[in-house]
Amino acid sequence: MVELPRHIARMAEDLAAVPGAVAVVLGGSRALGVAREDSDWDLGVYYRSTQRQLDPQNVRALGYQGTVSELGEWGPLVNGGGWLSVEGGPVDVLFRDLDAVERWWSQAERGEFDVLLQPGTIVGAPTYLPVGELAICQVVHGQLNRPGSYPEELAERAPQIWRGKAGAALLFARGYAGLGDVVNCVGMLSQAILCEAHARTAETKHWALNEKRLIAEADLEKTHMLLSRVENSTESLASVIQAVEEILGTRSATKG
């Protein structure tokens, strides 16, 4: 258990008192024990939309310095929160609708998920991402039913789905390479690499919480050097695509 500094504990207590809040948790790198000294504190505020919708104005009324979003302003999965400061330290507050998270949890148990367009991501966010957050978090206030082990069906089915997406991204990368379109080619290569990273973390039953550390967690750091060497020529792009395919062990899809 991570012991919260006094000012973070006080903020967590204030958030727990917001009308509609059913639990406050510590998440992110602090909960995982991999935080740097200057890492943000991530506090999740869970509520149930079927019981009482959380009103962001009540969070603003707590008086902490920073910005608090409206619900849904940050995308379909990360459905709002705040970038706040307390005693000079940054705190990310994340709103989580527990009803939605539990639906996605039920899907994950069946090996099912969607990938939603989410600001801050390249390939999008799988709907099991907030299920992973729920699994690794440290509950500070309230009570939460949380996942135990990584769902077996998800570990079995997700890698194939992600590798299908990686193959499609590589196909488009080759098309853009033929046009000499560096930006879109590299974009598709980034998608392919991240899709393979998602596949590998699912295979090893490791919760992927975001794309921030995903490349390292999947042991794909070699791809950083490849993308940094891209030159503005079709030959260079084709060479990099081939090298990426060899590292990923995934070939581009083919059109029928």
C-alpha atoms as a PDB file:
ATOM      1  CA  MET A   1       0.000   0.000   0.000  1.00  0.00           C
ATOM      2  CA  VAL A   2       1.254   3.448  -0.938  1.00  0.00           C
ATOM      3  CA  GLU A   3       1.063   5.953   1.893  1.00  0.00           C
ATOM      4  CA  LEU A   4      -0.385   9.224   0.618  1.00  0.00           C
ATOM      5  CA  PRO A   5       1.270  12.498   1.576  1.00  0.00           C
ATOM      6  CA  ARG A   6      -0.944  14.594   3.809  1.00  0.00           C
ATOM      7  CA  HIS A   7      -1.990  17.065   1.080  1.00  0.00           C
ATOM      8  CA  ILE A   8      -2.880  14.271  -1.375  1.00  0.00           C
ATOM      9  CA  ALA A   9      -4.819  12.424   1.323  1.00  0.00           C
ATOM     10  CA  ARG A  10      -6.740  15.623   2.068  1.00  0.00           C
ATOM     11  CA  MET A  11      -7.617  16.092  -1.606  1.00  0.00           C
ATOM     12  CA  ALA A  12      -8.760  12.465  -1.852  1.00  0.00           C
ATOM     13  CA  GLU A  13     -11.002  13.016   1.169  1.00  0.00           C
ATOM     14  CA  ASP A  14     -12.467  16.146  -0.416  1.00  0.00           C
ATOM     15  CA  LEU A  15     -13.155  14.282  -3.660  1.00  0.00           C
ATOM     16  CA  ALA A  16     -14.813  11.428  -1.781  1.00  0.00           C
ATOM     17  CA  ALA A  17     -17.265  13.948  -0.301  1.00  0.00           C
ATOM     18  CA  VAL A  18     -18.377  15.206  -3.738  1.00  0.00           C
ATOM     19  CA  PRO A  19     -22.054  14.292  -4.319  1.00  0.00           C
ATOM     20  CA  GLY A  20     -22.301  11.140  -6.433  1.00  0.00           C
ATOM     21  CA  ALA A  21     -18.788   9.862  -5.707  1.00  0.00           C
ATOM     22  CA  VAL A  22     -18.815   6.212  -4.612  1.00  0.00           C
ATOM     23  CA  ALA A  23     -15.044   5.703  -4.364  1.00  0.00           C
ATOM     24  CA  VAL A  24     -11.719   7.479  -4.760  1.00  0.00           C
ATOM     25  CA  VAL A  25      -8.644   5.524  -5.807  1.00  0.00           C
ATOM     26  CA  LEU A  26      -4.948   6.019  -6.365  1.00  0.00           C
ATOM     27  CA  GLY A  27      -3.932   4.938  -9.850  1.00  0.00           C
ATOM     28  CA  GLY A  28      -1.176   5.287 -12.428  1.00  0.00           C
ATOM     29  CA  SER A  29       2.515   4.949 -11.744  1.00  0.00           C
ATOM     30  CA  ARG A  30       2.076   5.711  -8.038  1.00  0.00           C
ATOM     31  CA  ALA A  31      -0.240   2.740  -7.556  1.00  0.00           C
ATOM     32  CA  LEU A  32       2.073   0.516  -9.613  1.00  0.00           C
ATOM     33  CA  GLY A  33       5.147   1.552  -7.617  1.00  0.00           C
ATOM     34  CA  VAL A  34       7.060   2.755 -10.698  1.00  0.00           C
ATOM     35  CA  ALA A  35       6.699   6.506 -10.179  1.00  0.00           C
ATOM     36  CA  ARG A  36       9.558   8.955 -10.432  1.00  0.00           C
ATOM     37  CA  GLU A  37      10.004  11.606  -7.761  1.00  0.00           C
ATOM     38  CA  ASP A  38       8.375  14.181 -10.063  1.00  0.00           C
ATOM     39  CA  SER A  39       5.497  11.950 -11.234  1.00  0.00           C
ATOM     40  CA  ASP A  40       1.935  13.208 -11.020  1.00  0.00           C
ATOM     41  CA  TRP A  41      -0.512  11.781  -8.524  1.00  0.00           C
ATOM     42  CA  ASP A  42      -3.487  10.140 -10.251  1.00  0.00           C
ATOM     43  CA  LEU A  43      -6.752  10.108  -8.307  1.00  0.00           C
ATOM     44  CA  GLY A  44      -9.756   8.372  -9.825  1.00  0.00           C
ATOM     45  CA  VAL A  45     -13.267   9.365  -8.786  1.00  0.00           C
ATOM     46  CA  TYR A  46     -15.819   6.619  -9.431  1.00  0.00           C
ATOM     47  CA  TYR A  47     -19.534   7.348  -9.653  1.00  0.00           C
ATOM     48  CA  ARG A  48     -22.614   5.543 -10.974  1.00  0.00           C
ATOM     49  CA  SER A  49     -24.507   7.394 -13.679  1.00  0.00           C
ATOM     50  CA  THR A  50     -27.581   5.245 -13.011  1.00  0.00           C
ATOM     51  CA  GLN A  51     -27.696   6.521  -9.422  1.00  0.00           C
ATOM     52  CA  ARG A  52     -26.336  10.068  -9.483  1.00  0.00           C
ATOM     53  CA  GLN A  53     -24.380  11.746 -12.243  1.00  0.00           C
ATOM     54  CA  LEU A  54     -21.202  13.423 -11.082  1.00  0.00           C
ATOM     55  CA  ASP A  55     -21.332  17.209 -11.485  1.00  0.00           C
ATOM     56  CA  PRO A  56     -17.882  18.647 -12.352  1.00  0.00           C
ATOM     57  CA  GLN A  57     -18.954  21.966 -10.862  1.00  0.00           C
ATOM     58  CA  ASN A  58     -18.876  20.334  -7.437  1.00  0.00           C
ATOM     59  CA  VAL A  59     -15.223  19.408  -8.035  1.00  0.00           C
ATOM     60  CA  ARG A  60     -14.425  22.969  -9.125  1.00  0.00           C
ATOM     61  CA  ALA A  61     -16.105  24.219  -5.966  1.00  0.00           C
ATOM     62  CA  LEU A  62     -13.450  22.438  -3.877  1.00  0.00           C
ATOM     63  CA  GLY A  63     -11.206  25.363  -4.794  1.00  0.00           C
ATOM     64  CA  TYR A  64      -8.090  23.590  -6.033  1.00  0.00           C
ATOM     65  CA  GLN A  65      -6.022  25.434  -8.617  1.00  0.00           C
ATOM     66  CA  GLY A  66      -6.313  24.093 -12.163  1.00  0.00           C
ATOM     67  CA  THR A  67      -8.856  23.032 -14.767  1.00  0.00           C
ATOM     68  CA  VAL A  68     -11.800  20.660 -14.436  1.00  0.00           C
ATOM     69  CA  SER A  69     -13.491  19.340 -17.590  1.00  0.00           C
ATOM     70  CA  GLU A  70     -17.116  18.586 -18.292  1.00  0.00           C
ATOM     71  CA  LEU A  71     -18.203  14.934 -18.425  1.00  0.00           C
ATOM     72  CA  GLY A  72     -17.313  13.434 -21.802  1.00  0.00           C
ATOM     73  CA  GLU A  73     -14.986  16.292 -22.725  1.00  0.00           C
ATOM     74  CA  TRP A  74     -11.889  14.083 -22.736  1.00  0.00           C
ATOM     75  CA  GLY A  75     -13.317  11.353 -24.943  1.00  0.00           C
ATOM     76  CA  PRO A  76     -15.432   8.216 -24.684  1.00  0.00           C
ATOM     77  CA  LEU A  77     -13.164   6.261 -22.350  1.00  0.00           C
ATOM     78  CA  VAL A  78     -11.399   8.892 -20.272  1.00  0.00           C
ATOM     79  CA  ASN A  79     -14.667  10.684 -19.668  1.00  0.00           C
ATOM     80  CA  GLY A  80     -13.377  13.790 -17.951  1.00  0.00           C
ATOM     81  CA  GLY A  81     -11.454  14.950 -14.940  1.00  0.00           C
ATOM     82  CA  GLY A  82      -9.132  17.695 -13.844  1.00  0.00           C
ATOM     83  CA  TRP A  83      -5.544  18.837 -14.033  1.00  0.00           C
ATOM     84  CA  LEU A  84      -5.122  20.279 -10.578  1.00  0.00           C
ATOM     85  CA  SER A  85      -2.377  21.449  -8.274  1.00  0.00           C
ATOM     86  CA  VAL A  86      -2.082  21.131  -4.516  1.00  0.00           C
ATOM     87  CA  GLU A  87       0.868  22.568  -2.586  1.00  0.00           C
ATOM     88  CA  GLY A  88       2.656  23.053  -5.889  1.00  0.00           C
ATOM     89  CA  GLY A  89       2.354  19.411  -6.933  1.00  0.00           C
ATOM     90  CA  PRO A  90       0.390  18.193  -9.972  1.00  0.00           C
ATOM     91  CA  VAL A  91      -2.611  15.918  -9.479  1.00  0.00           C
ATOM     92  CA  ASP A  92      -4.601  14.324 -12.305  1.00  0.00           C
ATOM     93  CA  VAL A  93      -8.198  13.684 -11.300  1.00  0.00           C
ATOM     94  CA  LEU A  94     -10.036  11.187 -13.518  1.00  0.00           C
ATOM     95  CA  PHE A  95     -13.792  10.671 -13.576  1.00  0.00           C
ATOM     96  CA  ARG A  96     -14.954   7.074 -14.049  1.00  0.00           C
ATOM     97  CA  ASP A  97     -18.542   5.886 -14.538  1.00  0.00           C
ATOM     98  CA  LEU A  98     -18.539   2.574 -12.670  1.00  0.00           C
ATOM     99  CA  ASP A  99     -21.616   1.367 -14.571  1.00  0.00           C
ATOM    100  CA  ALA A 100     -19.730   1.714 -17.875  1.00  0.00           C
ATOM    101  CA  VAL A 101     -16.546   0.153 -16.475  1.00  0.00           C
ATOM    102  CA  GLU A 102     -18.469  -2.872 -15.220  1.00  0.00           C
ATOM    103  CA  ARG A 103     -20.041  -3.356 -18.671  1.00  0.00           C
ATOM    104  CA  TRP A 104     -16.590  -3.321 -20.253  1.00  0.00           C
ATOM    105  CA  TRP A 105     -15.384  -5.706 -17.565  1.00  0.00           C
ATOM    106  CA  SER A 106     -18.155  -8.135 -18.460  1.00  0.00           C
ATOM    107  CA  GLN A 107     -17.157  -7.895 -22.141  1.00  0.00           C
ATOM    108  CA  ALA A 108     -13.492  -8.494 -21.303  1.00  0.00           C
ATOM    109  CA  GLU A 109     -14.404 -11.646 -19.390  1.00  0.00           C
ATOM    110  CA  ARG A 110     -15.901 -12.933 -22.674  1.00  0.00           C
ATOM    111  CA  GLY A 111     -12.813 -11.896 -24.633  1.00  0.00           C
ATOM    112  CA  GLU A 112     -14.681  -9.025 -26.288  1.00  0.00           C
ATOM    113  CA  PHE A 113     -13.686  -5.388 -26.554  1.00  0.00           C
ATOM    114  CA  ASP A 114     -13.927  -2.324 -28.763  1.00  0.00           C
ATOM    115  CA  VAL A 115     -11.154   0.110 -29.625  1.00  0.00           C
ATOM    116  CA  LEU A 116     -12.400   3.669 -29.232  1.00  0.00           C
ATOM    117  CA  LEU A 117     -10.918   6.855 -30.638  1.00  0.00           C
ATOM    118  CA  GLN A 118      -9.449   8.530 -27.572  1.00  0.00           C
ATOM    119  CA  PRO A 119      -7.457  11.792 -27.483  1.00  0.00           C
ATOM    120  CA  GLY A 120      -3.845  11.139 -26.550  1.00  0.00           C
ATOM    121  CA  THR A 121      -3.698   7.718 -28.224  1.00  0.00           C
ATOM    122  CA  ILE A 122      -2.475   6.629 -31.656  1.00  0.00           C
ATOM    123  CA  VAL A 123      -4.313   3.335 -32.143  1.00  0.00           C
ATOM    124  CA  GLY A 124      -7.163   4.261 -29.828  1.00  0.00           C
ATOM    125  CA  ALA A 125      -8.046   2.843 -26.436  1.00  0.00           C
ATOM    126  CA  PRO A 126      -9.395  -0.670 -25.848  1.00  0.00           C
ATOM    127  CA  THR A 127     -12.462  -0.752 -23.640  1.00  0.00           C
ATOM    128  CA  TYR A 128     -10.644  -3.077 -21.250  1.00  0.00           C
ATOM    129  CA  LEU A 129      -8.233  -0.244 -20.366  1.00  0.00           C
ATOM    130  CA  PRO A 130     -10.402   1.116 -17.508  1.00  0.00           C
ATOM    131  CA  VAL A 131     -10.902  -2.482 -16.353  1.00  0.00           C
ATOM    132  CA  GLY A 132      -7.137  -2.681 -15.929  1.00  0.00           C
ATOM    133  CA  GLU A 133      -7.183   0.598 -14.028  1.00  0.00           C
ATOM    134  CA  LEU A 134      -9.768  -0.887 -11.695  1.00  0.00           C
ATOM    135  CA  ALA A 135      -7.613  -3.990 -11.230  1.00  0.00           C
ATOM    136  CA  ILE A 136      -4.396  -2.189 -10.277  1.00  0.00           C
ATOM    137  CA  CYS A 137      -5.708   0.787  -8.333  1.00  0.00           C
ATOM    138  CA  GLN A 138      -5.439   1.341  -4.601  1.00  0.00           C
ATOM    139  CA  VAL A 139      -8.806   2.188  -3.054  1.00  0.00           C
ATOM    140  CA  VAL A 140      -8.470   5.210  -0.785  1.00  0.00           C
ATOM    141  CA  HIS A 141     -12.130   5.891   0.035  1.00  0.00           C
ATOM    142  CA  GLY A 142     -15.220   3.759  -0.501  1.00  0.00           C
ATOM    143  CA  GLN A 143     -15.482   0.175  -1.696  1.00  0.00           C
ATOM    144  CA  LEU A 144     -15.091  -1.311  -5.162  1.00  0.00           C
ATOM    145  CA  ASN A 145     -15.500  -4.779  -6.604  1.00  0.00           C
ATOM    146  CA  ARG A 146     -12.318  -5.283  -8.628  1.00  0.00           C
ATOM    147  CA  PRO A 147     -11.013  -7.827 -11.148  1.00  0.00           C
ATOM    148  CA  GLY A 148      -8.791 -10.554  -9.754  1.00  0.00           C
ATOM    149  CA  SER A 149      -6.787 -12.176 -12.531  1.00  0.00           C
ATOM    150  CA  TYR A 150      -6.522 -11.169 -16.174  1.00  0.00           C
ATOM    151  CA  PRO A 151      -9.461 -12.696 -18.114  1.00  0.00           C
ATOM    152  CA  GLU A 152      -8.425 -15.938 -19.849  1.00  0.00           C
ATOM    153  CA  GLU A 153     -10.720 -15.317 -22.833  1.00  0.00           C
ATOM    154  CA  LEU A 154      -9.220 -11.867 -23.346  1.00  0.00           C
ATOM    155  CA  ALA A 155      -5.668 -13.227 -23.226  1.00  0.00           C
ATOM    156  CA  GLU A 156      -6.639 -15.820 -25.836  1.00  0.00           C
ATOM    157  CA  ARG A 157      -8.602 -13.663 -28.277  1.00  0.00           C
ATOM    158  CA  ALA A 158      -7.124 -10.168 -28.024  1.00  0.00           C
ATOM    159  CA  PRO A 159      -3.668 -10.940 -29.546  1.00  0.00           C
ATOM    160  CA  GLN A 160      -5.198 -12.197 -32.795  1.00  0.00           C
ATOM    161  CA  ILE A 161      -7.404  -9.116 -33.071  1.00  0.00           C
ATOM    162  CA  TRP A 162      -4.523  -6.735 -32.438  1.00  0.00           C
ATOM    163  CA  ARG A 163      -2.250  -8.528 -34.898  1.00  0.00           C
ATOM    164  CA  GLY A 164      -4.957  -8.269 -37.541  1.00  0.00           C
ATOM    165  CA  LYS A 165      -4.958  -4.525 -36.986  1.00  0.00           C
ATOM    166  CA  ALA A 166      -1.153  -4.462 -37.154  1.00  0.00           C
ATOM    167  CA  GLY A 167      -1.196  -6.267 -40.497  1.00  0.00           C
ATOM    168  CA  ALA A 168      -3.712  -3.783 -41.896  1.00  0.00           C
ATOM    169  CA  ALA A 169      -1.589  -0.849 -40.699  1.00  0.00           C
ATOM    170  CA  LEU A 170       1.478  -2.325 -42.418  1.00  0.00           C
ATOM    171  CA  LEU A 171      -0.519  -2.705 -45.634  1.00  0.00           C
ATOM    172  CA  PHE A 172      -1.394   0.983 -45.573  1.00  0.00           C
ATOM    173  CA  ALA A 173       2.197   1.865 -44.660  1.00  0.00           C
ATOM    174  CA  ARG A 174       3.375   0.208 -47.882  1.00  0.00           C
ATOM    175  CA  GLY A 175       0.772   2.140 -49.845  1.00  0.00           C
ATOM    176  CA  TYR A 176       1.918   5.448 -48.389  1.00  0.00           C
ATOM    177  CA  ALA A 177       5.568   4.489 -48.937  1.00  0.00           C
ATOM    178  CA  GLY A 178       4.829   4.037 -52.618  1.00  0.00           C
ATOM    179  CA  LEU A 179       3.496   7.584 -52.713  1.00  0.00           C
ATOM    180  CA  GLY A 180       6.484   8.953 -50.819  1.00  0.00           C
ATOM    181  CA  ASP A 181       4.131  10.106 -48.032  1.00  0.00           C
ATOM    182  CA  VAL A 182       6.451  10.037 -45.033  1.00  0.00           C
ATOM    183  CA  VAL A 183       4.009  11.335 -42.414  1.00  0.00           C
ATOM    184  CA  ASN A 184       1.253   8.825 -43.114  1.00  0.00           C
ATOM    185  CA  CYS A 185       3.694   5.958 -43.637  1.00  0.00           C
ATOM    186  CA  VAL A 186       5.356   6.558 -40.269  1.00  0.00           C
ATOM    187  CA  GLY A 187       1.913   6.999 -38.716  1.00  0.00           C
ATOM    188  CA  MET A 188       0.847   3.576 -39.971  1.00  0.00           C
ATOM    189  CA  LEU A 189       4.105   2.033 -38.761  1.00  0.00           C
ATOM    190  CA  SER A 190       3.505   3.536 -35.312  1.00  0.00           C
ATOM    191  CA  GLN A 191       0.040   2.012 -35.321  1.00  0.00           C
ATOM    192  CA  ALA A 192       1.393  -1.405 -36.308  1.00  0.00           C
ATOM    193  CA  ILE A 193       4.026  -1.320 -33.544  1.00  0.00           C
ATOM    194  CA  LEU A 194       1.513  -0.302 -30.888  1.00  0.00           C
ATOM    195  CA  CYS A 195      -0.967  -2.947 -32.038  1.00  0.00           C
ATOM    196  CA  GLU A 196       1.720  -5.610 -31.679  1.00  0.00           C
ATOM    197  CA  ALA A 197       2.549  -4.193 -28.257  1.00  0.00           C
ATOM    198  CA  HIS A 198      -1.107  -4.568 -27.246  1.00  0.00           C
ATOM    199  CA  ALA A 199      -1.049  -8.141 -28.564  1.00  0.00           C
ATOM    200  CA  ARG A 200       2.033  -9.025 -26.516  1.00  0.00           C
ATOM    201  CA  THR A 201       0.758  -7.497 -23.283  1.00  0.00           C
ATOM    202  CA  ALA A 202      -2.525  -9.366 -23.682  1.00  0.00           C
ATOM    203  CA  GLU A 203      -0.652 -12.632 -24.304  1.00  0.00           C
ATOM    204  CA  THR A 204       1.326 -12.176 -21.106  1.00  0.00           C
ATOM    205  CA  LYS A 205      -1.836 -11.128 -19.205  1.00  0.00           C
ATOM    206  CA  HIS A 206      -0.433  -7.707 -18.462  1.00  0.00           C
ATOM    207  CA  TRP A 207      -2.949  -4.871 -18.222  1.00  0.00           C
ATOM    208  CA  ALA A 208      -2.236  -2.141 -20.781  1.00  0.00           C
ATOM    209  CA  LEU A 209      -3.243   1.127 -19.107  1.00  0.00           C
ATOM    210  CA  ASN A 210      -2.171   3.541 -21.868  1.00  0.00           C
ATOM    211  CA  GLU A 211       0.331   3.869 -24.709  1.00  0.00           C
ATOM    212  CA  LYS A 212       2.885   5.772 -22.622  1.00  0.00           C
ATOM    213  CA  ARG A 213       5.042   2.772 -21.614  1.00  0.00           C
ATOM    214  CA  LEU A 214       3.556   0.196 -23.945  1.00  0.00           C
ATOM    215  CA  ILE A 215       6.538  -0.109 -26.315  1.00  0.00           C
ATOM    216  CA  ALA A 216       8.956  -0.857 -23.467  1.00  0.00           C
ATOM    217  CA  GLU A 217       6.524  -3.212 -21.730  1.00  0.00           C
ATOM    218  CA  ALA A 218       6.275  -5.226 -24.942  1.00  0.00           C
ATOM    219  CA  ASP A 219      10.064  -5.285 -25.490  1.00  0.00           C
ATOM    220  CA  LEU A 220       9.823  -3.379 -28.761  1.00  0.00           C
ATOM    221  CA  GLU A 221      12.291  -0.553 -28.047  1.00  0.00           C
ATOM    222  CA  LYS A 222      14.299  -1.403 -31.181  1.00  0.00           C
ATOM    223  CA  THR A 223      11.536   0.149 -33.256  1.00  0.00           C
ATOM    224  CA  HIS A 224      12.352   3.616 -31.865  1.00  0.00           C
ATOM    225  CA  MET A 225      15.692   3.608 -33.671  1.00  0.00           C
ATOM    226  CA  LEU A 226      14.127   2.401 -36.921  1.00  0.00           C
ATOM    227  CA  LEU A 227      11.544   5.185 -37.082  1.00  0.00           C
ATOM    228  CA  SER A 228      14.155   7.810 -36.191  1.00  0.00           C
ATOM    229  CA  ARG A 229      16.152   6.827 -39.312  1.00  0.00           C
ATOM    230  CA  VAL A 230      13.359   7.297 -41.842  1.00  0.00           C
ATOM    231  CA  GLU A 231      14.400   9.329 -44.881  1.00  0.00           C
ATOM    232  CA  ASN A 232      12.211  11.035 -47.448  1.00  0.00           C
ATOM    233  CA  SER A 233      12.463   8.406 -50.168  1.00  0.00           C
ATOM    234  CA  THR A 234      10.387   5.405 -51.180  1.00  0.00           C
ATOM    235  CA  GLU A 235      13.452   3.169 -50.836  1.00  0.00           C
ATOM    236  CA  SER A 236      14.087   4.276 -47.256  1.00  0.00           C
ATOM    237  CA  LEU A 237      10.436   3.836 -46.304  1.00  0.00           C
ATOM    238  CA  ALA A 238      10.261   0.362 -47.854  1.00  0.00           C
ATOM    239  CA  SER A 239      13.429  -0.661 -46.003  1.00  0.00           C
ATOM    240  CA  VAL A 240      12.072   0.548 -42.668  1.00  0.00           C
ATOM    241  CA  ILE A 241       8.759  -1.247 -43.230  1.00  0.00           C
ATOM    242  CA  GLN A 242      10.594  -4.513 -43.859  1.00  0.00           C
ATOM    243  CA  ALA A 243      12.713  -4.043 -40.735  1.00  0.00           C
ATOM    244  CA  VAL A 244       9.623  -3.299 -38.636  1.00  0.00           C
ATOM    245  CA  GLU A 245       7.886  -6.406 -39.985  1.00  0.00           C
ATOM    246  CA  GLU A 246      10.873  -8.523 -38.984  1.00  0.00           C
ATOM    247  CA  ILE A 247      10.863  -7.168 -35.429  1.00  0.00           C
ATOM    248  CA  LEU A 248       7.111  -7.538 -35.044  1.00  0.00           C
ATOM    249  CA  GLY A 249       6.970 -10.937 -36.673  1.00  0.00           C
ATOM    250  CA  THR A 250       3.887  -9.670 -38.527  1.00  0.00           C
ATOM    251  CA  ARG A 251       3.489  -9.320 -42.254  1.00  0.00           C
ATOM    252  CA  SER A 252       1.311  -6.718 -43.919  1.00  0.00           C
ATOM    253  CA  ALA A 253      -2.170  -7.790 -44.861  1.00  0.00           C
ATOM    254  CA  THR A 254      -2.934  -8.355 -48.531  1.00  0.00           C
ATOM    255  CA  LYS A 255      -5.870  -7.039 -50.517  1.00  0.00           C
ATOM    256  CA  GLY A 256      -8.162  -9.668 -51.936  1.00  0.00           C
END
